[in-house]
Amino acid sequence: MNAVATTPTFSPELARFGATARARMSATRTVRAYLVEAKLEFVRAMRAPIFVVPFLLLPVLLYMLFGIVMSGASGGAPRGVANAFFAGFATFAVIGPALFSVGCGIAIERDQGLLRLKRALPAPPGSYLVGKVLMQLAFAALATGLLATAALLGANLTLPAGQVWTLVGVLVIGTIPFCAMGLFIGTHVSGVAAPGITHLIYFPMLYLSGLFFPLPKVLARWAPVWPTFHLNRLALAAAGGIHLTAAQVWISVTTLIAITALCGTRALLKLARRG
């Protein structure tokens, strides 16, 4: 017998059933649905070594090598440099997972038709996307928490423990603009192209924003075009590592909010049209 391949279709009746079930959900059940979605996303991510090893352990290992072992062998980095180095690696620890997990994950799942299936389920609107963002916030808290622990135990920081954890909090919230960027990538390119496109954005953004070393003057003037520059200096300012004027804080916060709004809006419009 010949097997006939069929593509799953979702009838209008099934879609109406999902919409009716969503409308009947109480506020408590709605919040619980979002949290369960985030929990399942987090468990799925943590069970994937290809995700955990590069994005959770690699920033800590690199920081311990360059920020603790090598700087200690060379007599120790100046305290101000040690603070900036820690902030750079902490920023590095949160942006990669947000871009790659959200961007590549959504692109692949969109190609597989999973997003259309999610629309037919009796779940709150957007719970799938909210779950991914909440998962990234939890992952960012875990990654920066490990990095902060290593820094407090072995690095030449002048930041008190309380200010280090303030820096971590700023970085966790600052993950949201990069989730929006990942969402934009994932909704506009295929699953095959998403990793390559993300790398084309990720690596220039790392090195041209001055996270790890001072840039030449010709490049330093262009560093503020990258969102990593603004997140990094907000984190340092929150920890007392640098002093920013009110205007500088406003520019950085506004830039990150604008990136979130622009990328997020464009991605949601694309999903609403095509799924």
Protein backbone atom coordinates (compact mmCIF):
# COMPACT_ATOMS: atom_id res chain seq x y z
CA MET A 1 0.00 0.00 0.00
CA ASN A 2 1.13 3.51 -0.72
CA ALA A 3 1.33 5.88 2.22
CA VAL A 4 -0.16 9.30 1.59
CA ALA A 5 1.55 12.21 3.36
CA THR A 6 -0.87 14.76 4.67
CA THR A 7 -0.35 18.15 6.27
CA PRO A 8 -2.34 18.71 9.45
CA THR A 9 -5.08 21.29 9.10
CA PHE A 10 -6.96 23.14 11.80
CA SER A 11 -10.65 23.70 11.22
CA PRO A 12 -12.47 26.95 12.09
CA GLU A 13 -14.45 24.99 14.69
CA LEU A 14 -11.24 23.96 16.46
CA ALA A 15 -9.97 27.54 16.40
CA ARG A 16 -13.27 28.79 17.85
CA PHE A 17 -13.06 26.14 20.57
CA GLY A 18 -9.60 27.36 21.52
CA ALA A 19 -10.76 30.99 21.58
CA THR A 20 -13.78 30.13 23.75
CA ALA A 21 -11.66 28.14 26.21
CA ARG A 22 -9.19 31.01 26.48
CA ALA A 23 -11.99 33.51 27.16
CA ARG A 24 -13.32 31.39 30.04
CA MET A 25 -10.00 31.14 31.86
CA SER A 26 -9.80 32.99 35.17
CA ALA A 27 -6.96 35.38 35.93
CA THR A 28 -5.31 32.84 38.24
CA ARG A 29 -5.42 30.09 35.63
CA THR A 30 -4.14 32.51 33.00
CA VAL A 31 -1.09 33.45 35.08
CA ARG A 32 -0.50 29.79 35.88
CA ALA A 33 -0.65 28.93 32.18
CA TYR A 34 2.06 31.49 31.43
CA LEU A 35 4.26 30.19 34.25
CA VAL A 36 3.80 26.56 33.19
CA GLU A 37 4.76 27.47 29.63
CA ALA A 38 7.88 29.21 30.92
CA LYS A 39 8.74 26.24 33.15
CA LEU A 40 8.44 23.79 30.26
CA GLU A 41 10.60 26.00 28.05
CA PHE A 42 13.23 26.22 30.80
CA VAL A 43 13.27 22.45 31.38
CA ARG A 44 13.55 21.81 27.65
CA ALA A 45 16.47 24.24 27.35
CA MET A 46 18.31 22.79 30.34
CA ARG A 47 18.01 19.27 28.91
CA ALA A 48 19.87 20.33 25.75
CA PRO A 49 23.66 20.22 26.28
CA ILE A 50 24.19 22.13 23.03
CA PHE A 51 22.40 25.06 24.69
CA VAL A 52 23.57 24.76 28.30
CA VAL A 53 27.30 24.30 27.72
CA PRO A 54 27.94 27.29 25.40
CA PHE A 55 25.59 29.76 27.07
CA LEU A 56 25.68 28.81 30.75
CA LEU A 57 29.16 27.43 31.38
CA LEU A 58 31.29 29.09 28.69
CA PRO A 59 30.96 32.69 29.98
CA VAL A 60 31.94 31.55 33.48
CA LEU A 61 34.92 29.52 32.25
CA LEU A 62 36.16 32.33 30.00
CA TYR A 63 35.80 34.87 32.79
CA MET A 64 37.68 32.64 35.23
CA LEU A 65 40.46 32.17 32.66
CA PHE A 66 40.91 35.78 31.53
CA GLY A 67 39.49 37.74 34.45
CA ILE A 68 40.88 35.72 37.35
CA VAL A 69 43.66 33.28 36.39
CA MET A 70 45.50 35.29 33.72
CA SER A 71 45.06 38.66 35.42
CA GLY A 72 46.30 37.15 38.68
CA ALA A 73 49.34 35.64 36.98
CA SER A 74 50.22 39.05 35.51
CA GLY A 75 50.02 40.80 38.87
CA GLY A 76 46.28 41.51 38.90
CA ALA A 77 44.22 43.93 36.84
CA PRO A 78 43.54 47.41 38.25
CA ARG A 79 40.34 47.43 40.25
CA GLY A 80 38.47 49.68 37.82
CA VAL A 81 39.47 47.47 34.91
CA ALA A 82 38.39 44.37 36.86
CA ASN A 83 34.94 45.92 37.41
CA ALA A 84 34.53 46.77 33.73
CA PHE A 85 35.77 43.33 32.70
CA PHE A 86 33.19 41.65 34.93
CA ALA A 87 30.38 43.83 33.56
CA GLY A 88 31.43 43.00 29.99
CA PHE A 89 31.37 39.26 30.57
CA ALA A 90 28.08 39.49 32.47
CA THR A 91 26.54 41.32 29.50
CA PHE A 92 28.01 38.68 27.21
CA ALA A 93 26.36 35.97 29.33
CA VAL A 94 22.81 37.27 28.80
CA ILE A 95 22.67 38.37 25.16
CA GLY A 96 23.71 35.12 23.44
CA PRO A 97 20.94 32.90 24.87
CA ALA A 98 18.30 35.54 24.16
CA LEU A 99 19.28 35.91 20.52
CA PHE A 100 19.94 32.29 19.65
CA SER A 101 17.33 30.49 21.75
CA VAL A 102 14.45 32.81 20.88
CA GLY A 103 15.49 33.57 17.29
CA CYS A 104 16.58 30.17 16.08
CA GLY A 105 14.00 28.33 18.17
CA ILE A 106 11.05 30.29 16.79
CA ALA A 107 12.33 30.09 13.21
CA ILE A 108 12.60 26.29 13.40
CA GLU A 109 9.27 25.83 15.16
CA ARG A 110 7.55 28.18 12.70
CA ASP A 111 8.86 26.09 9.81
CA GLN A 112 7.49 22.96 11.49
CA GLY A 113 4.01 24.48 11.89
CA LEU A 114 4.16 24.48 15.68
CA LEU A 115 2.95 28.07 15.98
CA ARG A 116 -0.21 27.28 14.03
CA LEU A 117 -0.83 24.34 16.35
CA LYS A 118 -0.37 26.61 19.38
CA ARG A 119 -3.09 28.92 18.09
CA ALA A 120 -5.60 26.07 18.15
CA LEU A 121 -4.83 25.09 21.74
CA PRO A 122 -6.92 26.43 24.65
CA ALA A 123 -4.05 28.52 26.00
CA PRO A 124 -3.87 32.26 26.78
CA PRO A 125 -2.91 34.49 23.82
CA GLY A 126 0.83 34.77 23.43
CA SER A 127 1.60 32.31 26.21
CA TYR A 128 4.10 30.57 23.94
CA LEU A 129 6.09 33.77 23.37
CA VAL A 130 5.75 34.99 26.96
CA GLY A 131 6.98 31.61 28.14
CA LYS A 132 10.09 31.92 25.99
CA VAL A 133 10.85 35.41 27.34
CA LEU A 134 10.33 34.34 30.96
CA MET A 135 12.56 31.33 30.35
CA GLN A 136 15.29 33.64 29.08
CA LEU A 137 14.97 35.88 32.15
CA ALA A 138 15.38 32.84 34.39
CA PHE A 139 18.32 31.60 32.36
CA ALA A 140 19.94 35.06 32.45
CA ALA A 141 19.54 35.14 36.23
CA LEU A 142 21.20 31.73 36.50
CA ALA A 143 24.07 32.59 34.13
CA THR A 144 24.86 35.97 35.68
CA GLY A 145 24.44 34.54 39.17
CA LEU A 146 27.15 31.95 38.48
CA LEU A 147 29.38 34.64 36.99
CA ALA A 148 28.83 36.97 39.96
CA THR A 149 29.68 34.17 42.39
CA ALA A 150 32.95 33.49 40.54
CA ALA A 151 33.76 37.22 40.49
CA LEU A 152 33.11 37.73 44.20
CA LEU A 153 35.20 34.70 45.14
CA GLY A 154 38.18 35.21 42.88
CA ALA A 155 38.34 38.57 41.12
CA ASN A 156 39.79 41.93 42.13
CA LEU A 157 36.44 43.74 42.29
CA THR A 158 35.76 46.92 44.23
CA LEU A 159 32.01 46.40 44.02
CA PRO A 160 30.27 45.30 47.24
CA ALA A 161 28.20 42.16 46.98
CA GLY A 162 24.96 44.16 47.07
CA GLN A 163 25.99 46.26 44.06
CA VAL A 164 27.10 43.17 42.15
CA TRP A 165 23.64 41.69 42.55
CA THR A 166 22.11 45.04 41.50
CA LEU A 167 24.17 44.77 38.33
CA VAL A 168 22.86 41.24 37.81
CA GLY A 169 19.27 42.49 38.20
CA VAL A 170 19.77 45.18 35.58
CA LEU A 171 21.19 42.64 33.16
CA VAL A 172 18.31 40.22 33.69
CA ILE A 173 15.78 42.94 32.83
CA GLY A 174 18.07 44.06 30.00
CA THR A 175 17.67 40.65 28.39
CA ILE A 176 14.23 41.67 27.07
CA PRO A 177 15.47 43.84 24.15
CA PHE A 178 17.63 40.98 22.91
CA CYS A 179 14.67 38.60 23.19
CA ALA A 180 12.78 41.04 20.96
CA MET A 181 15.66 41.05 18.48
CA GLY A 182 15.66 37.25 18.49
CA LEU A 183 11.90 37.24 17.96
CA PHE A 184 12.32 39.56 14.98
CA ILE A 185 14.94 37.28 13.45
CA GLY A 186 12.91 34.15 14.10
CA THR A 187 9.79 35.53 12.43
CA HIS A 188 11.52 36.86 9.31
CA VAL A 189 13.95 34.10 8.28
CA SER A 190 13.76 30.32 7.94
CA GLY A 191 15.06 27.85 10.46
CA VAL A 192 18.00 27.04 8.19
CA ALA A 193 19.05 30.67 7.79
CA ALA A 194 18.40 31.81 11.38
CA PRO A 195 21.73 30.66 12.93
CA GLY A 196 23.79 32.35 10.22
CA ILE A 197 21.85 35.61 10.37
CA THR A 198 22.07 35.64 14.17
CA HIS A 199 25.84 35.14 14.06
CA LEU A 200 26.16 38.06 11.62
CA ILE A 201 24.51 40.29 14.23
CA TYR A 202 25.90 38.71 17.39
CA PHE A 203 29.66 38.84 16.83
CA PRO A 204 29.91 42.43 15.53
CA MET A 205 27.66 43.50 18.40
CA LEU A 206 30.02 41.86 20.90
CA TYR A 207 33.30 43.27 19.69
CA LEU A 208 32.29 46.65 18.29
CA SER A 209 30.50 47.77 21.45
CA GLY A 210 33.65 47.69 23.59
CA LEU A 211 32.58 44.98 26.03
CA PHE A 212 35.99 43.41 26.58
CA PHE A 213 38.60 45.99 25.58
CA PRO A 214 38.88 49.71 24.74
CA LEU A 215 38.15 50.48 21.10
CA PRO A 216 40.20 52.72 18.82
CA LYS A 217 38.78 56.22 18.56
CA VAL A 218 37.46 55.67 15.07
CA LEU A 219 35.40 52.69 16.32
CA ALA A 220 34.58 54.04 19.79
CA ARG A 221 32.44 56.82 18.34
CA TRP A 222 30.21 54.19 16.73
CA ALA A 223 29.89 51.96 19.80
CA PRO A 224 26.60 53.60 20.95
CA VAL A 225 24.78 52.22 17.88
CA TRP A 226 24.92 48.76 19.47
CA PRO A 227 22.41 47.82 22.20
CA THR A 228 25.12 45.91 24.06
CA PHE A 229 26.92 49.21 24.69
CA HIS A 230 23.87 50.71 26.39
CA LEU A 231 23.08 47.63 28.47
CA ASN A 232 26.70 47.34 29.62
CA ARG A 233 26.99 50.93 30.77
CA LEU A 234 23.61 50.82 32.54
CA ALA A 235 24.80 47.74 34.43
CA LEU A 236 28.05 49.43 35.42
CA ALA A 237 26.22 52.57 36.49
CA ALA A 238 23.76 50.55 38.59
CA ALA A 239 26.67 48.96 40.39
CA GLY A 240 28.46 52.26 40.91
CA GLY A 241 31.28 51.37 38.56
CA ILE A 242 30.84 54.49 36.43
CA HIS A 243 28.91 57.72 36.79
CA LEU A 244 26.31 58.57 34.18
CA THR A 245 24.43 61.81 33.86
CA ALA A 246 20.64 61.74 33.78
CA ALA A 247 20.76 62.42 30.04
CA GLN A 248 23.07 59.45 29.42
CA VAL A 249 20.85 57.12 31.44
CA TRP A 250 17.80 58.38 29.55
CA ILE A 251 19.49 57.83 26.18
CA SER A 252 20.48 54.25 27.05
CA VAL A 253 17.10 53.32 28.53
CA THR A 254 15.23 54.91 25.62
CA THR A 255 17.42 53.12 23.09
CA LEU A 256 16.76 49.71 24.63
CA ILE A 257 13.02 50.38 24.94
CA ALA A 258 12.89 51.54 21.31
CA ILE A 259 14.67 48.38 20.13
CA THR A 260 12.23 46.24 22.13
CA ALA A 261 9.20 48.07 20.78
CA LEU A 262 10.38 48.14 17.16
CA CYS A 263 11.57 44.53 16.91
CA GLY A 264 8.73 43.16 19.02
CA THR A 265 6.01 45.01 17.10
CA ARG A 266 7.35 44.00 13.71
CA ALA A 267 7.66 40.38 14.81
CA LEU A 268 4.13 40.24 16.25
CA LEU A 269 2.67 41.77 13.10
CA LYS A 270 4.46 39.14 11.04
CA LEU A 271 3.17 36.34 13.26
CA ALA A 272 -0.37 37.73 13.11
CA ARG A 273 -0.29 37.65 9.29
CA ARG A 274 1.45 34.34 8.65
CA GLY A 275 2.02 32.50 11.91
